Amino acid sequence: MSSRRESQRLNDIIDNIDAIDLYLAGMVVEAFVADRKTIDASERCLERIIEATVKIGEARMQEIAPTIPARAIRGLGNMLRHAYDDINPTYIFTTIRRDLPPLRAACVAVLKDLP
């Protein structure tokens, strides 16, 4: 993948993480679970993040963010697309709070090194 295209994908990831952060600002898990609109918006942003990571590629994502398992990311994408009725909103909230901050930091760091 060209550095320009990778840069575009990394920016997509960052932009969608920032959108989720805006949606969840000051929100606790109980409020999230009760707010269908925020759940839906967050899941859509997660789908975009996941799609960008898939386009970057599993091996490259492991280099960029080794603490975030690329296969688990892809698995979450499959759940959001195909098993959406089985997804626990608490799981989504926890995943967002746990995994997105280090993913964002890793993407920002890589962008600084791209030409």
Protein backbone atom coordinates (compact mmCIF):
# COMPACT_ATOMS: atom_id res chain seq x y z
CA MET A 1 0.00 0.00 0.00
CA SER A 2 1.33 3.44 -0.86
CA SER A 3 2.20 5.76 2.01
CA ARG A 4 -0.43 8.21 0.72
CA ARG A 5 -3.14 5.56 0.86
CA GLU A 6 -1.97 4.30 4.25
CA SER A 7 -2.01 7.87 5.52
CA GLN A 8 -5.58 8.24 4.29
CA ARG A 9 -6.65 5.05 6.08
CA LEU A 10 -4.91 6.05 9.31
CA ASN A 11 -6.63 9.43 9.20
CA ASP A 12 -9.97 7.65 8.68
CA ILE A 13 -9.29 5.63 11.83
CA ILE A 14 -8.36 8.73 13.82
CA ASP A 15 -11.37 10.72 12.56
CA ASN A 16 -13.80 7.96 13.51
CA ILE A 17 -12.21 7.47 16.93
CA ASP A 18 -12.53 11.21 17.49
CA ALA A 19 -16.21 11.05 16.49
CA ILE A 20 -16.83 8.24 18.97
CA ASP A 21 -15.02 10.22 21.67
CA LEU A 22 -17.34 13.14 20.97
CA TYR A 23 -20.43 10.92 21.15
CA LEU A 24 -19.31 9.29 24.41
CA ALA A 25 -17.96 12.42 26.13
CA GLY A 26 -18.78 12.16 29.82
CA MET A 27 -20.92 9.07 29.27
CA VAL A 28 -20.91 6.09 31.62
CA VAL A 29 -21.76 2.58 30.48
CA GLU A 30 -25.31 2.71 31.86
CA ALA A 31 -26.09 5.85 29.85
CA PHE A 32 -24.53 4.31 26.74
CA VAL A 33 -26.59 1.13 27.03
CA ALA A 34 -29.77 3.24 27.34
CA ASP A 35 -28.98 5.46 24.33
CA ARG A 36 -29.80 3.66 21.08
CA LYS A 37 -28.71 6.58 18.90
CA THR A 38 -25.24 6.71 20.48
CA ILE A 39 -24.89 2.95 20.22
CA ASP A 40 -25.81 3.03 16.54
CA ALA A 41 -23.49 5.96 15.78
CA SER A 42 -20.61 4.35 17.66
CA GLU A 43 -21.10 1.01 15.92
CA ARG A 44 -21.08 2.73 12.52
CA CYS A 45 -17.82 4.48 13.35
CA LEU A 46 -16.40 1.17 14.56
CA GLU A 47 -17.35 -0.40 11.22
CA ARG A 48 -15.39 2.34 9.41
CA ILE A 49 -12.40 1.90 11.72
CA ILE A 50 -12.46 -1.85 11.18
CA GLU A 51 -12.76 -1.48 7.41
CA ALA A 52 -9.77 0.87 7.37
CA THR A 53 -7.69 -1.60 9.40
CA VAL A 54 -8.67 -4.43 7.05
CA LYS A 55 -7.61 -2.34 4.04
CA ILE A 56 -4.28 -1.55 5.69
CA GLY A 57 -3.76 -5.28 6.22
CA GLU A 58 -3.39 -7.58 9.19
CA ALA A 59 0.42 -7.75 9.14
CA ARG A 60 0.83 -3.98 8.87
CA MET A 61 -1.73 -3.36 11.61
CA GLN A 62 0.23 -5.69 13.89
CA GLU A 63 3.27 -3.49 13.25
CA ILE A 64 1.30 -0.30 13.86
CA ALA A 65 -0.63 -1.44 16.95
CA PRO A 66 0.80 -4.71 18.28
CA THR A 67 -1.34 -4.61 21.43
CA ILE A 68 -4.56 -4.64 19.39
CA PRO A 69 -5.14 -8.11 17.90
CA ALA A 70 -5.92 -7.66 14.19
CA ARG A 71 -7.98 -10.84 14.06
CA ALA A 72 -10.13 -9.64 16.94
CA ILE A 73 -10.73 -6.40 15.04
CA ARG A 74 -11.88 -8.33 12.00
CA GLY A 75 -14.05 -10.55 14.21
CA LEU A 76 -15.77 -7.53 15.71
CA GLY A 77 -16.45 -6.26 12.21
CA ASN A 78 -18.09 -9.55 11.32
CA MET A 79 -20.20 -9.38 14.46
CA LEU A 80 -21.32 -5.82 13.68
CA ARG A 81 -22.29 -6.78 10.14
CA HIS A 82 -23.70 -10.27 10.58
CA ALA A 83 -24.56 -10.88 14.24
CA TYR A 84 -25.58 -7.36 15.21
CA ASP A 85 -28.57 -8.61 17.19
CA ASP A 86 -26.27 -10.61 19.50
CA ILE A 87 -23.93 -7.75 20.40
CA ASN A 88 -24.00 -6.59 23.99
CA PRO A 89 -23.75 -2.77 24.17
CA THR A 90 -21.62 -3.08 27.31
CA TYR A 91 -19.08 -5.04 25.25
CA ILE A 92 -19.03 -2.28 22.62
CA PHE A 93 -18.56 0.40 25.29
CA THR A 94 -15.75 -1.54 26.98
CA THR A 95 -14.02 -2.21 23.66
CA ILE A 96 -14.21 1.47 22.74
CA ARG A 97 -12.79 2.64 26.06
CA ARG A 98 -10.07 -0.04 26.20
CA ASP A 99 -8.87 -0.39 22.61
CA LEU A 100 -9.47 2.87 20.78
CA PRO A 101 -7.15 5.21 22.75
CA PRO A 102 -4.03 3.07 22.12
CA LEU A 103 -5.08 2.50 18.51
CA ARG A 104 -5.44 6.25 17.98
CA ALA A 105 -2.06 6.95 19.58
CA ALA A 106 -0.40 4.31 17.39
CA CYS A 107 -1.97 5.76 14.23
CA VAL A 108 -0.84 9.28 15.13
CA ALA A 109 2.71 8.03 15.76
CA VAL A 110 2.87 6.23 12.41
CA LEU A 111 1.51 9.25 10.55
CA LYS A 112 4.38 11.35 11.89
CA ASP A 113 6.85 8.98 10.22
CA LEU A 114 5.11 8.68 6.85
CA PRO A 115 6.40 10.83 4.01
